[in-house]
N, C-alpha and C. Protein backbone atom coordinates (compact mmCIF):
# COMPACT_ATOMS: atom_id res chain seq x y z
N MET A 1 119.74 100.36 183.31
CA MET A 1 118.32 100.01 183.19
C MET A 1 118.16 98.94 182.11
N PRO A 2 117.41 97.86 182.39
CA PRO A 2 117.23 96.79 181.40
C PRO A 2 116.54 97.32 180.15
N SER A 3 116.83 96.63 179.04
CA SER A 3 116.27 97.07 177.76
C SER A 3 114.76 96.99 177.74
N ASN A 4 114.16 95.97 178.46
CA ASN A 4 112.70 95.89 178.44
C ASN A 4 112.07 97.07 179.17
N SER A 5 112.79 97.62 180.20
CA SER A 5 112.27 98.79 180.88
C SER A 5 112.28 100.00 179.96
N MET A 6 113.32 100.10 179.14
CA MET A 6 113.38 101.19 178.18
C MET A 6 112.20 101.13 177.22
N ARG A 7 111.80 99.94 176.86
CA ARG A 7 110.67 99.81 175.95
C ARG A 7 109.39 100.33 176.59
N TYR A 8 109.18 100.03 177.86
CA TYR A 8 108.01 100.55 178.55
C TYR A 8 108.06 102.07 178.65
N ASP A 9 109.24 102.62 178.87
CA ASP A 9 109.38 104.07 178.95
C ASP A 9 108.96 104.72 177.63
N VAL A 10 109.38 104.12 176.54
CA VAL A 10 109.03 104.66 175.22
C VAL A 10 107.52 104.60 175.00
N ILE A 11 106.90 103.50 175.38
CA ILE A 11 105.46 103.36 175.21
C ILE A 11 104.72 104.39 176.05
N ASP A 12 105.17 104.59 177.29
CA ASP A 12 104.54 105.59 178.16
C ASP A 12 104.68 106.99 177.59
N ALA A 13 105.87 107.29 177.05
CA ALA A 13 106.09 108.62 176.47
C ALA A 13 105.20 108.84 175.25
N LEU A 14 105.09 107.84 174.40
CA LEU A 14 104.22 107.95 173.22
C LEU A 14 102.76 108.08 173.62
N ARG A 15 102.37 107.34 174.66
CA ARG A 15 100.99 107.43 175.12
C ARG A 15 100.67 108.84 175.63
N GLY A 16 101.61 109.44 176.35
CA GLY A 16 101.42 110.81 176.81
C GLY A 16 101.33 111.78 175.64
N PHE A 17 102.16 111.58 174.64
CA PHE A 17 102.13 112.42 173.44
C PHE A 17 100.78 112.31 172.75
N ALA A 18 100.26 111.08 172.63
CA ALA A 18 98.96 110.87 172.00
C ALA A 18 97.84 111.50 172.82
N LEU A 19 97.93 111.42 174.13
CA LEU A 19 96.89 112.01 174.99
C LEU A 19 96.85 113.53 174.84
N PHE A 20 98.01 114.15 174.67
CA PHE A 20 98.02 115.60 174.44
C PHE A 20 97.31 115.93 173.13
N GLY A 21 97.48 115.07 172.12
CA GLY A 21 96.79 115.29 170.85
C GLY A 21 95.29 115.15 170.99
N VAL A 22 94.85 114.14 171.74
CA VAL A 22 93.42 113.95 171.99
C VAL A 22 92.86 115.14 172.77
N LEU A 23 93.64 115.63 173.75
CA LEU A 23 93.21 116.81 174.51
C LEU A 23 93.06 118.01 173.59
N TRP A 24 93.99 118.17 172.65
CA TRP A 24 93.92 119.27 171.68
C TRP A 24 92.58 119.23 170.94
N VAL A 25 92.20 118.05 170.47
CA VAL A 25 90.94 117.91 169.72
C VAL A 25 89.74 118.20 170.62
N ASN A 26 89.75 117.65 171.83
CA ASN A 26 88.60 117.79 172.72
C ASN A 26 88.46 119.20 173.29
N THR A 27 89.55 119.98 173.26
CA THR A 27 89.48 121.34 173.78
C THR A 27 88.42 122.16 173.04
N THR A 28 88.28 121.91 171.75
CA THR A 28 87.25 122.61 170.97
C THR A 28 85.87 122.34 171.53
N GLY A 29 85.60 121.07 171.86
CA GLY A 29 84.29 120.72 172.41
C GLY A 29 84.08 121.25 173.81
N HIS A 30 85.17 121.46 174.57
CA HIS A 30 85.04 122.02 175.91
C HIS A 30 84.81 123.52 175.86
N ALA A 31 85.51 124.20 174.96
CA ALA A 31 85.43 125.65 174.89
C ALA A 31 84.18 126.13 174.15
N LEU A 32 83.76 125.36 173.15
CA LEU A 32 82.60 125.72 172.34
C LEU A 32 81.55 124.63 172.46
N SER A 33 80.56 124.67 171.60
CA SER A 33 79.63 123.55 171.51
C SER A 33 80.38 122.34 171.00
N HIS A 34 80.01 121.13 171.47
CA HIS A 34 80.72 119.94 171.01
C HIS A 34 80.50 119.67 169.53
N PHE A 35 79.49 120.32 168.93
CA PHE A 35 79.27 120.18 167.49
C PHE A 35 80.42 120.82 166.70
N ALA A 36 81.13 121.76 167.33
CA ALA A 36 82.21 122.46 166.63
C ALA A 36 83.39 121.55 166.32
N ILE A 37 83.48 120.38 166.95
CA ILE A 37 84.57 119.46 166.67
C ILE A 37 84.50 118.98 165.22
N ASN A 38 83.28 118.74 164.73
CA ASN A 38 83.10 118.23 163.37
C ASN A 38 82.58 119.27 162.39
N ASP A 39 82.16 120.42 162.90
CA ASP A 39 81.55 121.44 162.03
C ASP A 39 82.11 122.80 162.39
N PRO A 40 83.02 123.36 161.59
CA PRO A 40 83.61 124.66 161.92
C PRO A 40 82.60 125.79 161.97
N THR A 41 81.49 125.67 161.25
CA THR A 41 80.49 126.73 161.26
C THR A 41 79.74 126.78 162.59
N ALA A 42 79.86 125.73 163.41
CA ALA A 42 79.17 125.71 164.69
C ALA A 42 79.95 126.46 165.77
N GLY A 43 81.13 126.94 165.44
CA GLY A 43 81.91 127.64 166.45
C GLY A 43 82.89 128.62 165.87
N GLY A 44 82.39 129.63 165.17
CA GLY A 44 83.29 130.67 164.69
C GLY A 44 83.12 131.05 163.24
N GLY A 45 82.52 130.20 162.43
CA GLY A 45 82.32 130.56 161.04
C GLY A 45 83.37 129.96 160.13
N MET A 46 83.31 130.37 158.87
CA MET A 46 84.18 129.79 157.86
C MET A 46 85.26 130.77 157.40
N ASP A 47 85.64 131.72 158.27
CA ASP A 47 86.74 132.61 157.90
C ASP A 47 88.03 131.80 157.83
N ALA A 48 89.04 132.36 157.20
CA ALA A 48 90.26 131.61 156.91
C ALA A 48 90.92 131.06 158.17
N LEU A 49 91.01 131.87 159.22
CA LEU A 49 91.70 131.43 160.43
C LEU A 49 90.94 130.31 161.12
N ASN A 50 89.62 130.47 161.27
CA ASN A 50 88.82 129.45 161.96
C ASN A 50 88.79 128.15 161.17
N PHE A 51 88.56 128.25 159.86
CA PHE A 51 88.51 127.05 159.04
C PHE A 51 89.87 126.37 158.97
N GLY A 52 90.94 127.17 158.89
CA GLY A 52 92.28 126.59 158.84
C GLY A 52 92.62 125.84 160.12
N ALA A 53 92.22 126.41 161.27
CA ALA A 53 92.48 125.73 162.55
C ALA A 53 91.72 124.42 162.63
N TRP A 54 90.46 124.46 162.20
CA TRP A 54 89.64 123.23 162.22
C TRP A 54 90.20 122.18 161.26
N LEU A 55 90.57 122.61 160.04
CA LEU A 55 91.08 121.68 159.04
C LEU A 55 92.41 121.07 159.48
N GLY A 56 93.29 121.90 160.02
CA GLY A 56 94.57 121.39 160.49
C GLY A 56 94.42 120.38 161.62
N THR A 57 93.50 120.67 162.53
CA THR A 57 93.25 119.74 163.64
C THR A 57 92.67 118.44 163.13
N SER A 58 91.72 118.53 162.21
CA SER A 58 91.05 117.34 161.70
C SER A 58 92.01 116.45 160.90
N VAL A 59 92.86 117.06 160.09
CA VAL A 59 93.72 116.30 159.19
C VAL A 59 94.98 115.80 159.88
N PHE A 60 95.64 116.67 160.65
CA PHE A 60 96.97 116.34 161.16
C PHE A 60 96.99 115.87 162.61
N ILE A 61 95.91 116.06 163.34
CA ILE A 61 95.95 115.72 164.77
C ILE A 61 94.92 114.67 165.14
N GLU A 62 93.66 114.90 164.78
CA GLU A 62 92.59 114.03 165.29
C GLU A 62 92.80 112.56 164.91
N GLY A 63 92.85 112.27 163.63
CA GLY A 63 93.01 110.88 163.21
C GLY A 63 94.35 110.29 163.63
N CYS A 64 95.42 111.09 163.54
CA CYS A 64 96.76 110.59 163.88
C CYS A 64 96.85 110.22 165.35
N MET A 65 96.39 111.11 166.22
CA MET A 65 96.54 110.88 167.65
C MET A 65 95.59 109.80 168.15
N ARG A 66 94.39 109.76 167.65
CA ARG A 66 93.47 108.69 168.05
C ARG A 66 94.01 107.35 167.56
N GLY A 67 94.54 107.33 166.35
CA GLY A 67 95.11 106.10 165.83
C GLY A 67 96.31 105.64 166.64
N LEU A 68 97.19 106.60 166.99
CA LEU A 68 98.36 106.27 167.79
C LEU A 68 97.95 105.75 169.16
N PHE A 69 96.96 106.38 169.76
CA PHE A 69 96.48 105.95 171.07
C PHE A 69 95.92 104.53 171.00
N SER A 70 95.19 104.23 169.94
CA SER A 70 94.63 102.89 169.77
C SER A 70 95.73 101.85 169.57
N LEU A 71 96.75 102.20 168.79
CA LEU A 71 97.87 101.28 168.59
C LEU A 71 98.61 101.00 169.90
N LEU A 72 98.77 102.03 170.70
CA LEU A 72 99.45 101.85 171.99
C LEU A 72 98.60 101.02 172.94
N PHE A 73 97.30 101.18 172.87
CA PHE A 73 96.42 100.35 173.69
C PHE A 73 96.58 98.88 173.28
N GLY A 74 96.65 98.65 171.98
CA GLY A 74 96.86 97.28 171.50
C GLY A 74 98.21 96.74 171.93
N ALA A 75 99.24 97.60 171.94
CA ALA A 75 100.57 97.16 172.37
C ALA A 75 100.56 96.75 173.84
N SER A 76 99.85 97.51 174.67
CA SER A 76 99.76 97.15 176.09
C SER A 76 99.00 95.85 176.29
N VAL A 77 97.98 95.62 175.44
CA VAL A 77 97.24 94.35 175.52
C VAL A 77 98.19 93.18 175.24
N ILE A 78 99.04 93.32 174.22
CA ILE A 78 99.98 92.26 173.87
C ILE A 78 100.97 92.01 175.01
N LEU A 79 101.49 93.08 175.59
CA LEU A 79 102.49 92.94 176.64
C LEU A 79 101.92 92.24 177.86
N ILE A 80 100.68 92.55 178.22
CA ILE A 80 100.10 91.96 179.43
C ILE A 80 99.61 90.54 179.17
N THR A 81 98.96 90.30 178.02
CA THR A 81 98.45 88.96 177.73
C THR A 81 99.58 87.98 177.44
N ARG A 82 100.73 88.49 177.05
CA ARG A 82 101.88 87.58 176.86
C ARG A 82 102.26 86.91 178.18
N ARG A 83 102.09 87.66 179.27
CA ARG A 83 102.35 87.09 180.59
C ARG A 83 101.29 86.05 180.93
N ALA A 84 100.04 86.33 180.53
CA ALA A 84 98.96 85.39 180.81
C ALA A 84 99.09 84.12 179.99
N ALA A 85 99.85 84.16 178.91
CA ALA A 85 100.01 82.98 178.05
C ALA A 85 101.00 81.98 178.63
N ALA A 86 101.82 82.42 179.59
CA ALA A 86 102.79 81.51 180.20
C ALA A 86 102.07 80.57 181.17
N PRO A 87 102.21 79.26 181.03
CA PRO A 87 101.47 78.31 181.87
C PRO A 87 101.71 78.53 183.36
N GLU A 88 102.94 78.85 183.75
CA GLU A 88 103.24 78.99 185.18
C GLU A 88 102.75 80.31 185.75
N ASP A 89 102.31 81.23 184.89
CA ASP A 89 101.92 82.56 185.36
C ASP A 89 100.59 83.01 184.76
N SER A 90 99.80 82.07 184.24
CA SER A 90 98.60 82.43 183.49
C SER A 90 97.54 83.09 184.37
N LEU A 91 97.32 82.57 185.58
CA LEU A 91 96.28 83.13 186.43
C LEU A 91 96.63 84.54 186.88
N LEU A 92 97.88 84.75 187.27
CA LEU A 92 98.30 86.07 187.70
C LEU A 92 98.23 87.07 186.55
N GLY A 93 98.63 86.63 185.35
CA GLY A 93 98.58 87.51 184.19
C GLY A 93 97.15 87.89 183.83
N ALA A 94 96.24 86.91 183.87
CA ALA A 94 94.83 87.20 183.57
C ALA A 94 94.23 88.12 184.61
N ASP A 95 94.60 87.89 185.89
CA ASP A 95 94.10 88.74 186.96
C ASP A 95 94.55 90.18 186.76
N LEU A 96 95.81 90.37 186.44
CA LEU A 96 96.35 91.71 186.19
C LEU A 96 95.65 92.37 185.01
N TYR A 97 95.43 91.59 183.96
CA TYR A 97 94.81 92.14 182.75
C TYR A 97 93.39 92.64 183.02
N PHE A 98 92.58 91.82 183.68
CA PHE A 98 91.18 92.20 183.90
C PHE A 98 91.05 93.28 184.97
N ARG A 99 91.92 93.26 185.97
CA ARG A 99 91.87 94.35 186.95
C ARG A 99 92.23 95.67 186.28
N ARG A 100 93.17 95.64 185.38
CA ARG A 100 93.55 96.85 184.65
C ARG A 100 92.37 97.39 183.85
N ASN A 101 91.65 96.51 183.17
CA ASN A 101 90.51 96.96 182.38
C ASN A 101 89.34 97.40 183.24
N LEU A 102 89.15 96.77 184.39
CA LEU A 102 88.08 97.19 185.29
C LEU A 102 88.36 98.59 185.85
N TRP A 103 89.62 98.87 186.19
CA TRP A 103 89.97 100.21 186.63
C TRP A 103 89.80 101.22 185.50
N LEU A 104 90.14 100.81 184.30
CA LEU A 104 89.94 101.70 183.15
C LEU A 104 88.46 102.00 182.97
N MET A 105 87.60 101.00 183.21
CA MET A 105 86.16 101.20 183.12
C MET A 105 85.68 102.18 184.20
N VAL A 106 86.22 102.06 185.40
CA VAL A 106 85.86 102.98 186.48
C VAL A 106 86.25 104.41 186.12
N PHE A 107 87.47 104.59 185.62
CA PHE A 107 87.91 105.93 185.21
C PHE A 107 87.01 106.47 184.09
N GLY A 108 86.59 105.59 183.18
CA GLY A 108 85.70 106.02 182.11
C GLY A 108 84.35 106.48 182.62
N LEU A 109 83.80 105.76 183.59
CA LEU A 109 82.50 106.14 184.17
C LEU A 109 82.61 107.47 184.92
N VAL A 110 83.68 107.64 185.67
CA VAL A 110 83.89 108.91 186.37
C VAL A 110 84.07 110.05 185.37
N HIS A 111 84.87 109.79 184.34
CA HIS A 111 85.13 110.80 183.33
C HIS A 111 83.85 111.19 182.59
N GLY A 112 83.04 110.20 182.25
CA GLY A 112 81.85 110.47 181.46
C GLY A 112 80.70 111.07 182.24
N PHE A 113 80.47 110.57 183.48
CA PHE A 113 79.27 110.97 184.22
C PHE A 113 79.54 112.02 185.30
N LEU A 114 80.70 111.99 185.92
CA LEU A 114 81.00 112.97 186.96
C LEU A 114 81.77 114.17 186.43
N LEU A 115 82.66 113.92 185.46
CA LEU A 115 83.40 115.02 184.85
C LEU A 115 82.76 115.51 183.56
N LEU A 116 81.59 114.96 183.24
CA LEU A 116 80.72 115.48 182.17
C LEU A 116 81.38 115.45 180.80
N MET A 117 82.02 114.34 180.46
CA MET A 117 82.63 114.18 179.14
C MET A 117 81.83 113.16 178.35
N PRO A 118 80.86 113.62 177.53
CA PRO A 118 80.00 112.67 176.80
C PRO A 118 80.74 111.82 175.79
N GLY A 119 81.90 112.27 175.33
CA GLY A 119 82.64 111.52 174.33
C GLY A 119 83.72 110.64 174.93
N ASP A 120 83.58 110.27 176.20
CA ASP A 120 84.62 109.46 176.85
C ASP A 120 84.85 108.16 176.08
N ILE A 121 86.13 107.78 175.97
CA ILE A 121 86.50 106.59 175.22
C ILE A 121 87.07 105.51 176.12
N LEU A 122 87.38 105.85 177.39
CA LEU A 122 88.01 104.88 178.28
C LEU A 122 87.10 103.69 178.56
N TYR A 123 85.81 103.96 178.76
CA TYR A 123 84.86 102.88 179.02
C TYR A 123 84.80 101.92 177.83
N THR A 124 84.81 102.48 176.63
CA THR A 124 84.78 101.65 175.42
C THR A 124 86.06 100.83 175.29
N TYR A 125 87.20 101.45 175.59
CA TYR A 125 88.46 100.72 175.56
C TYR A 125 88.44 99.55 176.55
N ALA A 126 87.88 99.77 177.73
CA ALA A 126 87.84 98.72 178.74
C ALA A 126 86.99 97.54 178.27
N LEU A 127 85.83 97.84 177.69
CA LEU A 127 84.98 96.76 177.19
C LEU A 127 85.66 96.00 176.05
N CYS A 128 86.24 96.75 175.12
CA CYS A 128 86.92 96.11 174.00
C CYS A 128 88.11 95.29 174.49
N GLY A 129 88.81 95.81 175.50
CA GLY A 129 89.96 95.09 176.02
C GLY A 129 89.57 93.74 176.60
N MET A 130 88.44 93.68 177.27
CA MET A 130 87.99 92.41 177.83
C MET A 130 87.64 91.41 176.72
N VAL A 131 87.06 91.90 175.65
CA VAL A 131 86.74 91.02 174.53
C VAL A 131 88.02 90.55 173.84
N LEU A 132 88.99 91.43 173.73
CA LEU A 132 90.25 91.09 173.06
C LEU A 132 90.99 89.94 173.75
N PHE A 133 90.77 89.79 175.05
CA PHE A 133 91.46 88.73 175.78
C PHE A 133 91.15 87.36 175.18
N VAL A 134 89.95 87.21 174.64
CA VAL A 134 89.54 85.93 174.05
C VAL A 134 90.41 85.59 172.84
N PHE A 135 90.91 86.62 172.15
CA PHE A 135 91.66 86.41 170.91
C PHE A 135 93.17 86.48 171.11
N ARG A 136 93.63 86.40 172.36
CA ARG A 136 95.05 86.57 172.64
C ARG A 136 95.92 85.49 171.99
N LEU A 137 95.33 84.30 171.76
CA LEU A 137 96.10 83.20 171.17
C LEU A 137 95.75 82.98 169.70
N ALA A 138 94.93 83.86 169.14
CA ALA A 138 94.52 83.71 167.74
C ALA A 138 95.71 83.95 166.81
N SER A 139 95.68 83.30 165.67
CA SER A 139 96.76 83.46 164.70
C SER A 139 96.67 84.81 164.02
N VAL A 140 97.77 85.20 163.41
CA VAL A 140 97.82 86.47 162.69
C VAL A 140 96.79 86.48 161.57
N ARG A 141 96.64 85.34 160.89
CA ARG A 141 95.67 85.25 159.79
C ARG A 141 94.25 85.48 160.30
N THR A 142 93.92 84.89 161.44
CA THR A 142 92.59 85.08 162.01
C THR A 142 92.36 86.54 162.41
N LEU A 143 93.35 87.15 163.02
CA LEU A 143 93.21 88.54 163.44
C LEU A 143 93.05 89.47 162.24
N LEU A 144 93.81 89.20 161.18
CA LEU A 144 93.68 90.02 159.97
C LEU A 144 92.31 89.86 159.33
N ALA A 145 91.81 88.63 159.32
CA ALA A 145 90.48 88.39 158.75
C ALA A 145 89.40 89.11 159.55
N LEU A 146 89.49 89.04 160.87
CA LEU A 146 88.51 89.72 161.72
C LEU A 146 88.61 91.24 161.56
N SER A 147 89.84 91.74 161.44
CA SER A 147 90.03 93.18 161.24
C SER A 147 89.40 93.64 159.93
N CYS A 148 89.61 92.86 158.87
CA CYS A 148 89.01 93.20 157.57
C CYS A 148 87.49 93.16 157.64
N LEU A 149 86.96 92.18 158.37
CA LEU A 149 85.50 92.09 158.51
C LEU A 149 84.95 93.31 159.23
N CYS A 150 85.61 93.71 160.31
CA CYS A 150 85.17 94.90 161.04
C CYS A 150 85.25 96.14 160.16
N LEU A 151 86.32 96.22 159.37
CA LEU A 151 86.49 97.37 158.47
C LEU A 151 85.37 97.43 157.44
N VAL A 152 85.00 96.27 156.90
CA VAL A 152 83.92 96.21 155.91
C VAL A 152 82.59 96.64 156.54
N ILE A 153 82.33 96.14 157.74
CA ILE A 153 81.06 96.47 158.41
C ILE A 153 80.97 97.96 158.70
N VAL A 154 82.05 98.52 159.27
CA VAL A 154 82.04 99.95 159.59
C VAL A 154 81.92 100.79 158.32
N SER A 155 82.63 100.40 157.27
CA SER A 155 82.56 101.14 156.00
C SER A 155 81.16 101.09 155.42
N ALA A 156 80.51 99.92 155.52
CA ALA A 156 79.15 99.79 154.99
C ALA A 156 78.17 100.67 155.76
N VAL A 157 78.30 100.70 157.08
CA VAL A 157 77.41 101.53 157.91
C VAL A 157 77.62 103.00 157.57
N GLU A 158 78.89 103.43 157.50
CA GLU A 158 79.17 104.82 157.17
C GLU A 158 78.72 105.17 155.75
N GLY A 159 78.88 104.23 154.84
CA GLY A 159 78.44 104.46 153.46
C GLY A 159 76.94 104.62 153.36
N LEU A 160 76.19 103.77 154.06
CA LEU A 160 74.73 103.88 154.06
C LEU A 160 74.29 105.20 154.68
N ASP A 161 74.96 105.62 155.73
CA ASP A 161 74.63 106.90 156.37
C ASP A 161 74.89 108.06 155.41
N ALA A 162 76.02 108.01 154.70
CA ALA A 162 76.33 109.07 153.74
C ALA A 162 75.32 109.09 152.59
N ALA A 163 74.91 107.90 152.13
CA ALA A 163 73.92 107.83 151.04
C ALA A 163 72.57 108.40 151.49
N GLU A 164 72.21 108.12 152.74
CA GLU A 164 70.95 108.65 153.27
C GLU A 164 70.99 110.17 153.35
N LYS A 165 72.12 110.72 153.81
CA LYS A 165 72.24 112.17 153.90
C LYS A 165 72.25 112.81 152.51
N HIS A 166 72.85 112.13 151.53
CA HIS A 166 72.84 112.64 150.16
C HIS A 166 71.42 112.67 149.62
N GLN A 167 70.64 111.66 149.95
CA GLN A 167 69.25 111.62 149.50
C GLN A 167 68.44 112.74 150.14
N ILE A 168 68.70 113.00 151.42
CA ILE A 168 68.01 114.09 152.10
C ILE A 168 68.38 115.43 151.47
N ALA A 169 69.66 115.60 151.15
CA ALA A 169 70.10 116.85 150.52
C ALA A 169 69.41 117.06 149.18
N ASP A 170 69.20 115.99 148.41
CA ASP A 170 68.49 116.11 147.14
C ASP A 170 67.04 116.55 147.35
N GLN A 171 66.41 116.02 148.40
CA GLN A 171 65.03 116.42 148.69
C GLN A 171 64.95 117.89 149.11
N LEU A 172 65.93 118.33 149.90
CA LEU A 172 65.94 119.73 150.34
C LEU A 172 66.24 120.69 149.20
N ALA A 173 66.99 120.22 148.19
CA ALA A 173 67.35 121.09 147.07
C ALA A 173 66.13 121.52 146.26
N ALA A 174 65.03 120.80 146.40
CA ALA A 174 63.81 121.14 145.66
C ALA A 174 63.12 122.38 146.23
N TYR A 175 63.54 122.83 147.41
CA TYR A 175 62.90 123.98 148.06
C TYR A 175 63.91 125.11 148.18
N GLU A 176 63.54 126.28 147.67
CA GLU A 176 64.41 127.44 147.78
C GLU A 176 64.50 127.92 149.21
N ASP A 177 63.40 127.82 149.95
CA ASP A 177 63.35 128.25 151.35
C ASP A 177 62.90 127.06 152.18
N ILE A 178 63.77 126.61 153.09
CA ILE A 178 63.45 125.43 153.90
C ILE A 178 62.22 125.66 154.76
N SER A 179 62.00 126.92 155.18
CA SER A 179 60.85 127.21 156.05
C SER A 179 59.52 126.97 155.34
N SER A 180 59.53 126.98 154.01
CA SER A 180 58.30 126.74 153.26
C SER A 180 58.07 125.27 152.97
N ALA A 181 59.03 124.44 153.31
CA ALA A 181 58.92 123.01 153.06
C ALA A 181 58.00 122.36 154.09
N PRO A 182 57.44 121.20 153.76
CA PRO A 182 56.63 120.47 154.73
C PRO A 182 57.42 120.17 156.01
N GLU A 183 56.70 119.96 157.08
CA GLU A 183 57.35 119.77 158.38
C GLU A 183 58.30 118.58 158.38
N GLU A 184 57.88 117.50 157.70
CA GLU A 184 58.76 116.32 157.70
C GLU A 184 60.06 116.59 156.95
N ILE A 185 60.00 117.47 155.93
CA ILE A 185 61.21 117.84 155.20
C ILE A 185 62.11 118.71 156.08
N GLN A 186 61.50 119.60 156.85
CA GLN A 186 62.28 120.43 157.76
C GLN A 186 62.97 119.58 158.83
N ASP A 187 62.29 118.53 159.25
CA ASP A 187 62.90 117.62 160.22
C ASP A 187 64.12 116.93 159.62
N LEU A 188 64.04 116.63 158.32
CA LEU A 188 65.18 116.00 157.65
C LEU A 188 66.38 116.94 157.61
N ALA A 189 66.11 118.25 157.52
CA ALA A 189 67.20 119.22 157.48
C ALA A 189 68.05 119.15 158.73
N GLY A 190 67.41 118.84 159.86
CA GLY A 190 68.15 118.72 161.11
C GLY A 190 69.11 117.55 161.11
N ALA A 191 68.85 116.55 160.25
CA ALA A 191 69.75 115.40 160.18
C ALA A 191 71.05 115.75 159.45
N LEU A 192 71.01 116.80 158.63
CA LEU A 192 72.19 117.22 157.89
C LEU A 192 73.02 118.23 158.68
N LYS A 193 72.34 119.14 159.34
CA LYS A 193 73.05 120.19 160.07
C LYS A 193 72.21 120.62 161.27
N VAL A 194 72.83 120.65 162.42
CA VAL A 194 72.13 121.07 163.63
C VAL A 194 71.85 122.57 163.54
N PRO A 195 70.60 123.00 163.79
CA PRO A 195 70.28 124.43 163.71
C PRO A 195 71.15 125.26 164.64
N GLN A 196 71.56 126.43 164.18
CA GLN A 196 72.42 127.29 164.98
C GLN A 196 71.73 127.71 166.27
N GLU A 197 70.41 127.85 166.23
CA GLU A 197 69.69 128.24 167.44
C GLU A 197 69.86 127.21 168.54
N TYR A 198 69.82 125.93 168.15
CA TYR A 198 70.01 124.87 169.13
C TYR A 198 71.44 124.86 169.66
N ILE A 199 72.40 125.10 168.78
CA ILE A 199 73.79 125.13 169.20
C ILE A 199 74.02 126.25 170.21
N ASP A 200 73.47 127.44 169.91
CA ASP A 200 73.62 128.58 170.83
C ASP A 200 73.00 128.28 172.18
N THR A 201 71.81 127.66 172.15
CA THR A 201 71.12 127.32 173.41
C THR A 201 71.90 126.27 174.18
N GLU A 202 72.37 125.24 173.46
CA GLU A 202 73.11 124.16 174.10
C GLU A 202 74.38 124.69 174.75
N TYR A 203 75.09 125.57 174.05
CA TYR A 203 76.33 126.13 174.59
C TYR A 203 76.05 127.04 175.77
N ARG A 204 75.01 127.86 175.66
CA ARG A 204 74.68 128.79 176.74
C ARG A 204 74.29 128.02 178.01
N GLU A 205 73.52 126.95 177.83
CA GLU A 205 73.13 126.15 178.99
C GLU A 205 74.34 125.44 179.60
N LYS A 206 75.27 125.03 178.75
CA LYS A 206 76.43 124.31 179.24
C LYS A 206 77.29 125.19 180.13
N VAL A 207 77.43 126.45 179.78
CA VAL A 207 78.33 127.32 180.53
C VAL A 207 77.64 128.05 181.67
N THR A 208 76.31 128.06 181.70
CA THR A 208 75.61 128.80 182.75
C THR A 208 74.89 127.90 183.74
N SER A 209 74.57 126.66 183.36
CA SER A 209 73.85 125.78 184.27
C SER A 209 74.77 125.27 185.37
N PRO A 210 74.22 125.06 186.57
CA PRO A 210 75.05 124.52 187.66
C PRO A 210 75.45 123.08 187.40
N TYR A 211 76.52 122.66 188.05
CA TYR A 211 77.06 121.32 187.87
C TYR A 211 76.00 120.26 188.18
N SER A 212 75.17 120.49 189.18
CA SER A 212 74.17 119.50 189.60
C SER A 212 73.18 119.18 188.49
N VAL A 213 72.88 120.16 187.65
CA VAL A 213 71.93 119.94 186.56
C VAL A 213 72.51 118.96 185.55
N HIS A 214 73.78 119.11 185.21
CA HIS A 214 74.40 118.24 184.23
C HIS A 214 74.58 116.82 184.77
N VAL A 215 74.97 116.70 186.01
CA VAL A 215 75.17 115.37 186.61
C VAL A 215 73.86 114.60 186.66
N ARG A 216 72.78 115.29 186.90
CA ARG A 216 71.48 114.63 187.02
C ARG A 216 71.11 113.93 185.71
N TYR A 217 71.53 114.49 184.58
CA TYR A 217 71.18 113.90 183.30
C TYR A 217 72.31 113.02 182.79
């Protein structure tokens, strides 16, 4: 077997390994309320076993596997666009690249709307992949600069969101009982933590409602 085929085999094997990790993370959202993925109290409480399982998944699996999957997606972009960069094969390479992303978009739409996965990432990957084609010939310096810019923007957005939640928490701290607070303050409490009553209702509806109800929305 040629060495380049071995490289594709390795990439496919790593991609499968990463997908199992993503499945591990998403299983929590399938079995419980999807809020339980980020909040252990939304699906079992803060006992040692439940919190340990959530913490281990969050630290050792979620970020690692999503990151690995993203890196492999980038590797496949490089492998396919390299073919499109060859003058004698540019049209065929571009055709292959965009057809691949269009099929990925179709799978994402089916996954999100027919298989009822609100957190589908395939559609997003397909859109990003089409945009990435524009930068296939960009220099390493340009790509690093754009990556740093994206990192700064995302960090700023997340930082502002965290600061807003911290401000809300300070306002809530002034009330010993949230139920006695003004209505607008109670509404702010929902921005920090989803009420357990809503989680119970959302989960109960998810497991008892017919498939047609979910597809309609």
